[in-house]
Amino acid sequence: MKKKGITVVVFFGFILLSSTVLISLPGILPSEDSSELTITGTPADNYNDDERAQFCGSSIAKSTEFIQEFSIPTFCTNPLAIVADYDGNVWFTETNTGNLGKFDPVTETFTEYENPTWPEGTRSMMWGIDYGPDGSVWFTDEAYDSVWKFSSLDETYMRLAYPNEGNSLPQRLQIDGSKIIINDFTGNKLTLLDPTQSKDDVNYISIPSPIDNSVTADFAIDENDNIWYTNWLYQQGGVLIKFNQSGYLDSVASTAEQFLPLLDFITIYELPRTLLTPNGTAISNDGTIWLADTTSSSFFNFDPITKEFTQYVTADPILETYGNQTGIVKSPISRPYWIDTDEQGRLVFNAQTANNISIMDPKLQSLVEYQIPSKNPNWGDCTSAAGIVMDNCGLAQSFDFAISGEKIWFTEWVENNIGVVDTSLSLPLEIQMETNSIALTPGESKEFKFIISPDTEKDLLDVSLILNTTHDFLTVSLDSDITEISQLNYDTPQSIHINISASEDAVSGIYKILLGAQLPDVAISKFITVTIE
């Protein structure tokens, strides 16, 4: 297998580092230099001594009221893609070992399956994973342009070569009936694979994307079997694509021609200018398309009927995630990454630089953001000029999650943990809106009220307000001298009076404002719809 060492560095630098406002980091994967290397007999040996704190983390499991973490027995595995099987077991890829891991939530035990064909001392970003009805686990491997199948019955691995056309990066993976769908992130295509094939006889159908030299990102499948995905150029915009896969495959079957004109089977919608890095894609129960933007604090929806996009915003990252000990961070952002839907029709996404697992309910227009307790200080501005490291500062780099009933499992790439959010637990407060929508004209301001009602028998400490908008011409200000709420009494709801204003240059349209309260372990908010006429 040919190792493409530069691919990981370029990809991560492209997505995370070149667009980050945090600090100048040495790269998301280590450089190959001559720094000291102490042999430990663990996967940490893939990193030099001065890189291990950054990439291996503490490997200490922590917890909050809503999240419980579990430390992977093998040190420095770099867990990435994660999925839950039909019995509730959790499977995850280990990018620093080439192995699969399994966690049994009942016994709270790990099993790690050694991959005997994996080249010793190498690593690969394994972004995609899914569990098949036959007990097989499929996952992608970008370093070796591969798709792997692991049989949970006989505990064996099989590698299938991925069609490499010069710059491939097989990323997300989903089993869809009798085929597997993979997006080729830098190879500019979607790939359809028959999972019943042997490693010696692999046939793929590759669907080229309509924009040359662009990124082909995450995908989702609607109730009519259409595949929705994005094609974009970094910070230059892109398109949302609907691919009629049934029509295409029927035509291929009837004509035996695998190079049919793509435009006959796709519909293209231009993305908003403010949507620059749509990594994650999901489809809610009503057919609405949702996109996560990794270069902002926003996520968007697209209505296939009206052909309109609507922008939503998250809460700001809390100080402990980015630190700002040197003052370099001017505008911290949350960076929503992947997005999916649960059985209740809610949206789930991981906000990478907010260190959150977030749940948005489209019907209630509510947002709950759970703070991941583990934080690696080497991924934030956590050290002052005097060399003092801020306590509980940094990021766990949670790059993937899996929904299993009311539990959301996630990986911590630089802390060597997996964690779980229990969404069935009661929240400590409730947000009640005076009304769900208001209308403004350019230059107009209106008073608005919402109520924060504690739902707990203890005082809530360290509470701050969330008053976030998506556009500079739309602002929210408190209608009082109070700028923060430091404490809420459990038997005393707090009424918050604000002013919502549209500037003279406000553009007509429908917008979302996020109002709520931030606590140390969770943020609870609701969206109000603002129509500028």
Protein backbone atom coordinates (compact mmCIF):
# COMPACT_ATOMS: atom_id res chain seq x y z
CA MET A 1 0.00 0.00 0.00
CA LYS A 2 1.39 3.37 -1.00
CA LYS A 3 1.49 5.95 1.77
CA LYS A 4 0.43 9.49 0.87
CA GLY A 5 1.75 11.32 3.90
CA ILE A 6 1.03 14.80 2.60
CA THR A 7 -2.71 14.30 2.13
CA VAL A 8 -3.65 14.51 5.79
CA VAL A 9 -1.55 17.59 6.42
CA VAL A 10 -2.95 19.42 3.42
CA PHE A 11 -6.54 18.46 4.17
CA PHE A 12 -6.50 19.50 7.80
CA GLY A 13 -4.54 22.63 7.12
CA PHE A 14 -7.14 23.43 4.47
CA ILE A 15 -10.18 22.94 6.67
CA LEU A 16 -9.04 23.83 10.15
CA LEU A 17 -5.85 25.83 10.27
CA SER A 18 -5.95 28.20 7.34
CA SER A 19 -9.34 29.48 8.43
CA THR A 20 -8.92 29.44 12.18
CA VAL A 21 -8.85 32.56 14.33
CA LEU A 22 -7.29 30.80 17.26
CA ILE A 23 -3.53 30.57 17.26
CA SER A 24 -0.73 29.62 14.93
CA LEU A 25 -0.47 25.88 15.40
CA PRO A 26 2.24 23.61 13.98
CA GLY A 27 -0.35 21.66 11.97
CA ILE A 28 -3.09 19.25 12.89
CA LEU A 29 -0.80 16.36 12.13
CA PRO A 30 2.82 16.44 13.27
CA SER A 31 5.68 17.47 11.06
CA GLU A 32 8.40 14.97 10.25
CA ASP A 33 11.40 16.45 12.04
CA SER A 34 14.29 15.20 14.12
CA SER A 35 12.85 15.97 17.56
CA GLU A 36 13.53 13.55 20.39
CA LEU A 37 11.58 10.30 20.28
CA THR A 38 11.24 8.20 23.42
CA ILE A 39 10.03 4.66 22.69
CA THR A 40 7.06 3.71 24.88
CA GLY A 41 5.70 0.66 23.06
CA THR A 42 2.39 2.46 22.50
CA PRO A 43 0.89 4.27 19.49
CA ALA A 44 2.33 7.46 21.01
CA ASP A 45 5.60 6.38 19.36
CA ASN A 46 4.12 7.69 16.10
CA TYR A 47 4.66 11.19 17.52
CA ASN A 48 7.80 12.92 18.72
CA ASP A 49 8.04 13.67 22.41
CA ASP A 50 7.16 17.35 22.02
CA GLU A 51 4.04 16.47 20.00
CA ARG A 52 2.48 13.91 22.32
CA ALA A 53 0.70 16.30 24.65
CA GLN A 54 -1.00 17.88 21.63
CA PHE A 55 -2.04 14.71 19.82
CA CYS A 56 -2.34 12.12 22.60
CA GLY A 57 -3.87 14.29 25.33
CA SER A 58 -4.39 13.27 28.92
CA SER A 59 -6.52 10.16 28.22
CA ILE A 60 -8.43 10.95 31.42
CA ALA A 61 -12.21 10.44 31.29
CA LYS A 62 -14.29 13.23 32.81
CA SER A 63 -17.99 13.83 33.23
CA THR A 64 -20.69 16.44 33.70
CA GLU A 65 -24.35 16.13 34.61
CA PHE A 66 -25.14 15.36 30.96
CA ILE A 67 -21.96 13.79 29.54
CA GLN A 68 -19.93 10.76 30.56
CA GLU A 69 -16.56 9.98 29.03
CA PHE A 70 -14.67 6.68 28.78
CA SER A 71 -10.91 6.41 28.29
CA ILE A 72 -9.72 4.03 25.56
CA PRO A 73 -7.36 1.44 27.11
CA THR A 74 -4.66 1.83 24.45
CA PHE A 75 -2.97 5.21 24.78
CA CYS A 76 -2.95 7.72 21.91
CA THR A 77 -5.25 5.95 19.42
CA ASN A 78 -6.79 9.16 17.98
CA PRO A 79 -10.43 7.94 17.72
CA LEU A 80 -12.34 9.49 14.84
CA ALA A 81 -15.36 8.00 13.02
CA ILE A 82 -18.01 6.39 15.25
CA VAL A 83 -21.23 4.39 14.77
CA ALA A 84 -23.65 2.41 16.95
CA ASP A 85 -24.81 -1.08 15.95
CA TYR A 86 -28.27 -2.60 16.36
CA ASP A 87 -27.47 -3.85 19.87
CA GLY A 88 -26.25 -0.46 21.07
CA ASN A 89 -22.55 -1.29 20.91
CA VAL A 90 -20.37 1.58 19.75
CA TRP A 91 -17.71 1.11 17.05
CA PHE A 92 -14.98 3.64 16.26
CA THR A 93 -11.89 3.98 14.09
CA GLU A 94 -8.42 4.55 15.56
CA THR A 95 -6.51 6.76 13.15
CA ASN A 96 -3.18 6.26 14.90
CA THR A 97 -3.32 2.44 14.89
CA GLY A 98 -5.43 1.39 11.87
CA ASN A 99 -7.62 -0.62 14.24
CA LEU A 100 -11.31 -0.69 15.05
CA GLY A 101 -12.50 -0.35 18.60
CA LYS A 102 -15.80 -1.45 20.16
CA PHE A 103 -17.37 -0.22 23.38
CA ASP A 104 -20.12 -2.13 25.20
CA PRO A 105 -22.25 0.45 27.09
CA VAL A 106 -23.75 -2.25 29.33
CA THR A 107 -20.48 -3.62 30.70
CA GLU A 108 -18.58 -0.38 29.97
CA THR A 109 -15.74 -2.38 28.42
CA PHE A 110 -13.62 -1.82 25.31
CA THR A 111 -12.45 -4.35 22.73
CA GLU A 112 -9.82 -3.28 20.20
CA TYR A 113 -9.34 -5.39 17.08
CA GLU A 114 -5.81 -5.44 15.70
CA ASN A 115 -5.56 -4.94 11.95
CA PRO A 116 -2.77 -7.37 10.96
CA THR A 117 -2.21 -5.80 7.52
CA TRP A 118 -1.80 -2.23 8.79
CA PRO A 119 1.72 -0.85 8.20
CA GLU A 120 3.46 -0.39 11.52
CA GLY A 121 3.98 3.18 12.71
CA THR A 122 1.57 4.79 10.24
CA ARG A 123 -1.68 6.68 10.66
CA SER A 124 -4.65 7.69 8.53
CA MET A 125 -7.72 9.85 8.96
CA MET A 126 -10.70 7.47 8.85
CA TRP A 127 -13.68 9.82 8.51
CA GLY A 128 -16.46 7.46 7.45
CA ILE A 129 -17.98 4.43 9.16
CA ASP A 130 -21.22 2.45 9.02
CA TYR A 131 -22.57 -0.84 10.36
CA GLY A 132 -24.17 -3.37 8.00
CA PRO A 133 -27.08 -5.78 8.54
CA ASP A 134 -24.66 -8.73 8.23
CA GLY A 135 -22.60 -7.57 11.20
CA SER A 136 -19.89 -5.95 9.08
CA VAL A 137 -18.31 -2.59 9.84
CA TRP A 138 -17.26 -0.52 6.84
CA PHE A 139 -14.89 2.44 7.11
CA THR A 140 -12.81 4.73 4.90
CA ASP A 141 -9.06 5.25 4.99
CA GLU A 142 -7.71 8.36 3.26
CA ALA A 143 -3.97 7.67 3.56
CA TYR A 144 -4.09 4.49 1.49
CA ASP A 145 -7.13 5.31 -0.70
CA SER A 146 -9.02 2.39 0.79
CA VAL A 147 -12.38 1.18 1.97
CA TRP A 148 -12.21 -1.47 4.70
CA LYS A 149 -14.67 -4.15 5.74
CA PHE A 150 -14.43 -5.68 9.20
CA SER A 151 -16.47 -8.79 9.96
CA SER A 152 -17.64 -8.77 13.57
CA LEU A 153 -18.46 -12.48 13.22
CA ASP A 154 -14.97 -13.81 12.45
CA GLU A 155 -13.07 -10.63 13.43
CA THR A 156 -11.25 -10.27 10.11
CA TYR A 157 -10.39 -7.23 7.99
CA MET A 158 -10.66 -6.92 4.20
CA ARG A 159 -9.25 -3.96 2.28
CA LEU A 160 -10.79 -2.76 -0.98
CA ALA A 161 -8.78 -0.32 -3.09
CA TYR A 162 -10.56 2.98 -3.77
CA PRO A 163 -10.50 4.40 -7.32
CA ASN A 164 -7.65 6.92 -7.19
CA GLU A 165 -7.64 9.44 -9.99
CA GLY A 166 -4.72 11.49 -8.71
CA ASN A 167 -6.05 13.26 -5.65
CA SER A 168 -8.63 11.08 -3.94
CA LEU A 169 -9.72 11.28 -0.32
CA PRO A 170 -12.55 8.86 0.54
CA GLN A 171 -14.32 10.51 3.44
CA ARG A 172 -17.87 9.90 4.71
CA LEU A 173 -19.50 6.51 4.14
CA GLN A 174 -23.09 5.31 4.32
CA ILE A 175 -24.66 1.92 3.61
CA ASP A 176 -27.78 2.55 1.52
CA GLY A 177 -29.66 -0.66 0.78
CA SER A 178 -27.56 -2.73 -1.61
CA LYS A 179 -24.82 -0.15 -2.08
CA ILE A 180 -22.33 1.98 -0.19
CA ILE A 181 -22.08 5.70 -0.88
CA ILE A 182 -18.81 7.55 -0.33
CA ASN A 183 -17.92 11.17 -0.99
CA ASP A 184 -14.44 11.72 -2.41
CA PHE A 185 -13.54 14.96 -0.67
CA THR A 186 -10.65 16.06 -2.88
CA GLY A 187 -11.33 13.68 -5.79
CA ASN A 188 -14.39 15.68 -6.89
CA LYS A 189 -16.85 12.80 -7.05
CA LEU A 190 -19.38 10.58 -5.29
CA THR A 191 -18.69 6.87 -5.41
CA LEU A 192 -21.24 4.04 -5.34
CA LEU A 193 -19.87 0.65 -4.27
CA ASP A 194 -21.44 -2.81 -4.23
CA PRO A 195 -20.68 -4.19 -0.72
CA THR A 196 -21.07 -7.83 -1.83
CA GLN A 197 -17.93 -7.74 -3.94
CA SER A 198 -14.67 -9.44 -3.04
CA LYS A 199 -11.40 -7.55 -2.74
CA ASP A 200 -10.25 -9.07 -6.03
CA ASP A 201 -13.25 -7.92 -8.03
CA VAL A 202 -14.22 -4.37 -7.04
CA ASN A 203 -16.57 -2.33 -9.20
CA TYR A 204 -17.41 1.29 -8.48
CA ILE A 205 -19.62 3.84 -10.13
CA SER A 206 -18.12 7.32 -9.80
CA ILE A 207 -20.38 10.35 -10.15
CA PRO A 208 -18.27 13.41 -11.08
CA SER A 209 -19.22 16.67 -9.38
CA PRO A 210 -20.22 19.65 -11.55
CA ILE A 211 -17.56 22.11 -10.31
CA ASP A 212 -14.03 21.28 -11.39
CA ASN A 213 -11.21 21.19 -8.83
CA SER A 214 -13.65 21.61 -5.96
CA VAL A 215 -14.43 19.82 -2.73
CA THR A 216 -17.17 17.16 -2.71
CA ALA A 217 -18.43 17.18 0.87
CA ASP A 218 -20.89 15.24 3.01
CA PHE A 219 -24.18 13.88 1.65
CA ALA A 220 -27.67 12.85 2.77
CA ILE A 221 -30.45 10.82 1.11
CA ASP A 222 -34.06 12.03 0.98
CA GLU A 223 -37.26 9.93 0.98
CA ASN A 224 -37.22 9.83 -2.85
CA ASP A 225 -33.71 8.35 -2.89
CA ASN A 226 -32.12 11.57 -4.13
CA ILE A 227 -28.60 12.25 -2.83
CA TRP A 228 -28.00 15.81 -1.64
CA TYR A 229 -24.43 17.03 -1.25
CA THR A 230 -22.31 20.14 -1.61
CA ASN A 231 -19.56 21.13 -4.01
CA TRP A 232 -17.44 24.13 -3.06
CA LEU A 233 -14.18 26.00 -3.45
CA TYR A 234 -12.55 27.16 -0.25
CA GLN A 235 -13.85 30.65 0.65
CA GLN A 236 -15.14 31.11 -2.90
CA GLY A 237 -18.63 29.68 -2.62
CA GLY A 238 -20.23 26.62 -4.09
CA VAL A 239 -23.44 24.76 -4.84
CA LEU A 240 -25.93 22.38 -3.26
CA ILE A 241 -26.61 19.43 -5.53
CA LYS A 242 -29.56 17.07 -5.78
CA PHE A 243 -28.55 13.87 -7.59
CA ASN A 244 -31.33 11.63 -8.91
CA GLN A 245 -29.51 8.38 -8.23
CA SER A 246 -32.49 6.14 -9.04
CA GLY A 247 -32.87 7.69 -12.49
CA TYR A 248 -29.15 7.48 -13.10
CA LEU A 249 -28.78 3.85 -11.99
CA ASP A 250 -31.86 2.81 -13.98
CA SER A 251 -30.37 4.42 -17.09
CA VAL A 252 -27.00 2.77 -16.48
CA ALA A 253 -28.71 -0.62 -16.11
CA SER A 254 -30.74 -0.20 -19.28
CA THR A 255 -27.97 1.21 -21.47
CA ALA A 256 -24.92 -0.49 -19.92
CA GLU A 257 -23.27 2.94 -20.18
CA GLN A 258 -21.55 4.32 -17.07
CA PHE A 259 -20.66 7.71 -18.57
CA LEU A 260 -24.09 9.24 -19.01
CA PRO A 261 -24.35 13.06 -19.05
CA LEU A 262 -24.39 14.15 -15.40
CA LEU A 263 -26.54 17.21 -16.02
CA ASP A 264 -29.44 14.97 -16.97
CA PHE A 265 -29.65 13.71 -13.39
CA ILE A 266 -28.67 16.64 -11.17
CA THR A 267 -30.23 19.89 -10.02
CA ILE A 268 -27.91 22.65 -8.81
CA TYR A 269 -28.66 25.41 -6.29
CA GLU A 270 -26.16 28.19 -5.61
CA LEU A 271 -25.13 28.48 -1.97
CA PRO A 272 -25.49 31.79 -0.09
CA ARG A 273 -22.35 33.92 -0.08
CA THR A 274 -22.17 33.65 3.71
CA LEU A 275 -22.01 29.83 3.54
CA LEU A 276 -18.35 29.08 2.83
CA THR A 277 -17.53 25.61 4.19
CA PRO A 278 -20.60 23.35 4.20
CA ASN A 279 -19.09 20.12 5.53
CA GLY A 280 -22.10 18.40 7.12
CA THR A 281 -25.39 17.65 5.35
CA ALA A 282 -28.65 16.28 6.80
CA ILE A 283 -32.33 16.09 5.85
CA SER A 284 -35.07 16.61 8.42
CA ASN A 285 -38.43 14.82 8.46
CA ASP A 286 -40.15 17.51 6.39
CA GLY A 287 -37.59 17.25 3.57
CA THR A 288 -35.65 20.36 4.55
CA ILE A 289 -31.91 20.21 3.80
CA TRP A 290 -29.54 21.30 6.60
CA LEU A 291 -25.91 22.30 6.16
CA ALA A 292 -23.20 22.88 8.79
CA ASP A 293 -20.72 25.69 8.05
CA THR A 294 -17.26 24.99 9.47
CA THR A 295 -15.85 28.49 8.93
CA SER A 296 -18.43 30.27 11.07
CA SER A 297 -20.83 29.81 13.97
CA SER A 298 -23.72 29.12 11.61
CA PHE A 299 -25.75 26.33 10.15
CA PHE A 300 -28.27 26.73 7.33
CA ASN A 301 -31.41 25.13 5.99
CA PHE A 302 -32.68 24.94 2.42
CA ASP A 303 -36.34 24.56 1.52
CA PRO A 304 -36.59 22.53 -1.72
CA ILE A 305 -40.04 23.99 -2.38
CA THR A 306 -39.34 27.71 -1.97
CA LYS A 307 -35.65 27.33 -2.98
CA GLU A 308 -34.72 29.62 -0.08
CA PHE A 309 -31.87 29.33 2.44
CA THR A 310 -32.21 30.38 6.09
CA GLN A 311 -29.20 31.00 8.33
CA TYR A 312 -29.09 29.99 12.01
CA VAL A 313 -26.43 30.78 14.61
CA THR A 314 -25.03 28.98 17.65
CA ALA A 315 -24.04 30.40 21.01
CA ASP A 316 -20.51 31.80 21.21
CA PRO A 317 -17.81 29.40 22.42
CA ILE A 318 -17.15 29.77 26.14
CA LEU A 319 -13.81 31.27 27.20
CA GLU A 320 -12.48 27.93 28.42
CA THR A 321 -12.48 26.52 24.87
CA TYR A 322 -10.21 29.12 23.28
CA GLY A 323 -8.50 30.67 26.32
CA ASN A 324 -7.37 33.94 24.75
CA GLN A 325 -4.47 34.21 27.19
CA THR A 326 -2.43 36.27 24.73
CA GLY A 327 -5.40 38.27 23.44
CA ILE A 328 -5.03 36.99 19.90
CA VAL A 329 -8.61 35.70 19.59
CA LYS A 330 -10.78 38.53 18.33
CA SER A 331 -13.91 36.70 17.21
CA PRO A 332 -14.24 33.13 18.51
CA ILE A 333 -16.52 30.93 16.42
CA SER A 334 -18.04 27.51 17.07
CA ARG A 335 -17.46 25.76 13.70
CA PRO A 336 -20.36 23.28 13.26
CA TYR A 337 -18.87 20.23 11.49
CA TRP A 338 -21.09 17.21 10.78
CA ILE A 339 -24.88 17.22 11.15
CA ASP A 340 -27.50 14.44 11.37
CA THR A 341 -31.08 13.82 12.54
CA ASP A 342 -32.32 11.65 15.40
CA GLU A 343 -35.49 9.57 15.73
CA GLN A 344 -37.41 12.56 17.11
CA GLY A 345 -36.64 14.68 14.06
CA ARG A 346 -34.11 16.83 15.88
CA LEU A 347 -30.81 17.92 14.37
CA VAL A 348 -27.54 16.92 16.00
CA PHE A 349 -24.20 18.51 15.17
CA ASN A 350 -20.72 18.73 16.65
CA ALA A 351 -19.47 22.30 17.09
CA GLN A 352 -15.75 21.65 16.80
CA THR A 353 -14.18 24.78 18.31
CA ALA A 354 -16.96 25.29 20.85
CA ASN A 355 -16.27 21.77 22.20
CA ASN A 356 -20.01 21.10 22.04
CA ILE A 357 -22.45 18.42 20.97
CA SER A 358 -25.55 20.36 19.97
CA ILE A 359 -29.22 19.52 19.41
CA MET A 360 -31.58 21.76 17.46
CA ASP A 361 -35.33 21.05 17.36
CA PRO A 362 -36.77 22.55 14.13
CA LYS A 363 -40.34 22.33 15.44
CA LEU A 364 -39.64 24.05 18.77
CA GLN A 365 -36.91 26.26 17.26
CA SER A 366 -34.79 25.40 20.28
CA LEU A 367 -31.05 24.79 20.61
CA VAL A 368 -29.28 22.89 23.41
CA GLU A 369 -25.47 22.85 23.37
CA TYR A 370 -23.72 20.36 25.66
CA GLN A 371 -20.16 21.20 26.69
CA ILE A 372 -17.64 18.33 26.39
CA PRO A 373 -15.74 18.18 29.71
CA SER A 374 -12.31 17.15 28.37
CA LYS A 375 -10.14 19.91 26.93
CA ASN A 376 -6.64 19.72 25.47
CA PRO A 377 -4.83 23.05 26.12
CA ASN A 378 -2.60 22.60 23.07
CA TRP A 379 -5.55 23.39 20.80
CA GLY A 380 -6.41 26.80 22.23
CA ASP A 381 -4.73 30.03 23.28
CA CYS A 382 -4.38 28.62 26.78
CA THR A 383 -0.86 29.74 27.74
CA SER A 384 -0.04 33.29 28.73
CA ALA A 385 3.06 35.17 27.65
CA ALA A 386 4.51 34.30 31.06
CA GLY A 387 4.01 30.59 30.41
CA ILE A 388 1.05 30.12 32.75
CA VAL A 389 -1.46 27.56 31.44
CA MET A 390 -5.14 28.33 31.99
CA ASP A 391 -7.02 25.61 33.87
CA ASN A 392 -9.61 23.52 31.99
CA CYS A 393 -8.81 25.17 28.65
CA GLY A 394 -8.73 23.89 25.09
CA LEU A 395 -10.47 21.42 22.78
CA ALA A 396 -10.99 17.67 22.69
CA GLN A 397 -11.37 17.84 18.87
CA SER A 398 -14.63 15.94 18.70
CA PHE A 399 -14.77 15.16 14.98
CA ASP A 400 -17.65 12.68 14.84
CA PHE A 401 -20.74 11.46 16.66
CA ALA A 402 -23.30 8.64 16.46
CA ILE A 403 -26.94 8.71 17.51
CA SER A 404 -28.32 5.72 19.41
CA GLY A 405 -31.81 6.36 20.75
CA GLU A 406 -31.58 9.20 23.25
CA LYS A 407 -27.81 8.81 23.54
CA ILE A 408 -25.29 10.64 21.37
CA TRP A 409 -21.85 9.03 21.28
CA PHE A 410 -18.81 11.00 20.15
CA THR A 411 -15.05 10.67 19.81
CA GLU A 412 -12.33 12.93 21.21
CA TRP A 413 -9.51 12.80 18.68
CA VAL A 414 -6.82 14.44 20.83
CA GLU A 415 -7.94 13.19 24.27
CA ASN A 416 -8.18 9.43 23.49
CA ASN A 417 -11.72 9.20 24.87
CA ILE A 418 -15.19 8.47 23.66
CA GLY A 419 -18.14 10.14 25.36
CA VAL A 420 -21.91 10.02 25.48
CA VAL A 421 -24.58 12.70 25.89
CA ASP A 422 -27.79 11.59 27.61
CA THR A 423 -30.46 13.78 26.00
CA SER A 424 -33.22 12.28 28.17
CA LEU A 425 -32.02 14.19 31.24
CA SER A 426 -34.00 17.24 32.29
CA LEU A 427 -32.46 20.60 31.52
CA PRO A 428 -31.82 23.08 34.36
CA LEU A 429 -33.84 25.90 32.81
CA GLU A 430 -36.42 26.76 30.20
CA ILE A 431 -36.61 29.64 27.74
CA GLN A 432 -40.06 31.14 27.10
CA MET A 433 -40.57 33.68 24.32
CA GLU A 434 -43.02 36.56 24.34
CA THR A 435 -43.70 35.71 20.70
CA ASN A 436 -41.99 33.56 18.11
CA SER A 437 -41.57 36.26 15.46
CA ILE A 438 -41.43 39.98 14.89
CA ALA A 439 -41.35 42.25 11.82
CA LEU A 440 -39.05 45.23 11.33
CA THR A 441 -38.40 47.82 8.68
CA PRO A 442 -34.87 49.14 8.02
CA GLY A 443 -33.95 51.62 10.77
CA GLU A 444 -36.64 50.32 13.15
CA SER A 445 -36.19 48.96 16.69
CA LYS A 446 -38.69 47.03 18.80
CA GLU A 447 -38.82 45.94 22.41
CA PHE A 448 -38.95 42.23 23.12
CA LYS A 449 -39.13 40.05 26.22
CA PHE A 450 -38.17 36.49 27.01
CA ILE A 451 -38.18 34.61 30.32
CA ILE A 452 -35.53 32.33 31.78
CA SER A 453 -37.24 29.89 34.15
CA PRO A 454 -35.00 27.66 36.31
CA ASP A 455 -36.16 24.07 36.53
CA THR A 456 -34.03 22.84 39.39
CA GLU A 457 -34.00 22.93 43.18
CA LYS A 458 -30.64 24.65 43.38
CA ASP A 459 -29.41 28.10 42.47
CA LEU A 460 -27.80 28.32 39.06
CA LEU A 461 -24.38 29.95 39.16
CA ASP A 462 -22.29 31.37 36.33
CA VAL A 463 -25.21 32.12 34.05
CA SER A 464 -24.71 34.50 31.13
CA LEU A 465 -27.05 35.66 28.39
CA ILE A 466 -27.02 34.51 24.78
CA LEU A 467 -28.08 37.29 22.41
CA ASN A 468 -26.76 36.25 18.98
CA THR A 469 -27.66 37.33 15.46
CA THR A 470 -26.58 36.16 12.03
CA HIS A 471 -26.01 39.55 10.36
CA ASP A 472 -24.34 42.81 11.40
CA PHE A 473 -27.36 44.89 10.36
CA LEU A 474 -29.50 43.06 12.93
CA THR A 475 -28.60 43.76 16.58
CA VAL A 476 -29.86 42.83 20.05
CA SER A 477 -29.28 44.97 23.13
CA LEU A 478 -30.49 44.78 26.70
CA ASP A 479 -33.18 47.28 27.64
CA SER A 480 -31.62 47.89 31.05
CA ASP A 481 -28.34 48.50 32.81
CA ILE A 482 -27.94 44.77 33.47
CA THR A 483 -25.37 43.20 31.16
CA GLU A 484 -25.14 39.73 32.64
CA ILE A 485 -27.01 37.37 34.94
CA SER A 486 -24.61 35.86 37.45
CA GLN A 487 -27.15 33.79 39.36
CA LEU A 488 -30.73 32.55 39.05
CA ASN A 489 -32.82 31.45 42.02
CA TYR A 490 -34.59 28.17 41.34
CA ASP A 491 -37.98 29.61 42.31
CA THR A 492 -37.62 32.97 40.53
CA PRO A 493 -38.01 33.23 36.74
CA GLN A 494 -36.00 36.08 35.24
CA SER A 495 -37.62 38.35 32.65
CA ILE A 496 -35.14 39.68 30.08
CA HIS A 497 -36.10 42.88 28.26
CA ILE A 498 -34.23 43.57 25.03
CA ASN A 499 -34.31 45.76 21.95
CA ILE A 500 -34.09 44.20 18.50
CA SER A 501 -32.94 46.66 15.83
CA ALA A 502 -32.48 46.67 12.08
CA SER A 503 -30.03 49.21 10.68
CA GLU A 504 -30.87 51.55 7.82
CA ASP A 505 -28.99 49.33 5.38
CA ALA A 506 -30.76 46.14 6.49
CA VAL A 507 -31.63 43.79 3.64
CA SER A 508 -35.19 42.52 3.41
CA GLY A 509 -35.60 38.85 4.25
CA ILE A 510 -36.21 36.33 7.02
CA TYR A 511 -33.58 36.03 9.76
CA LYS A 512 -33.01 34.15 13.02
CA ILE A 513 -31.93 35.52 16.40
CA LEU A 514 -30.79 33.21 19.20
CA LEU A 515 -31.84 34.11 22.76
CA GLY A 516 -31.05 32.11 25.86
CA ALA A 517 -28.68 31.37 28.72
CA GLN A 518 -25.21 29.86 28.94
CA LEU A 519 -24.25 27.68 31.91
CA PRO A 520 -20.84 26.01 32.40
CA ASP A 521 -22.01 22.61 31.13
CA VAL A 522 -24.88 23.48 28.80
CA ALA A 523 -26.35 26.35 26.80
CA ILE A 524 -30.14 26.54 26.33
CA SER A 525 -31.67 28.87 23.77
CA LYS A 526 -34.51 29.49 21.35
CA PHE A 527 -34.71 31.15 17.97
CA ILE A 528 -36.97 34.06 17.15
CA THR A 529 -37.81 34.77 13.51
CA VAL A 530 -37.25 38.35 12.37
CA THR A 531 -38.76 39.49 9.10
CA ILE A 532 -37.26 42.65 7.63
CA GLU A 533 -39.75 44.14 5.21
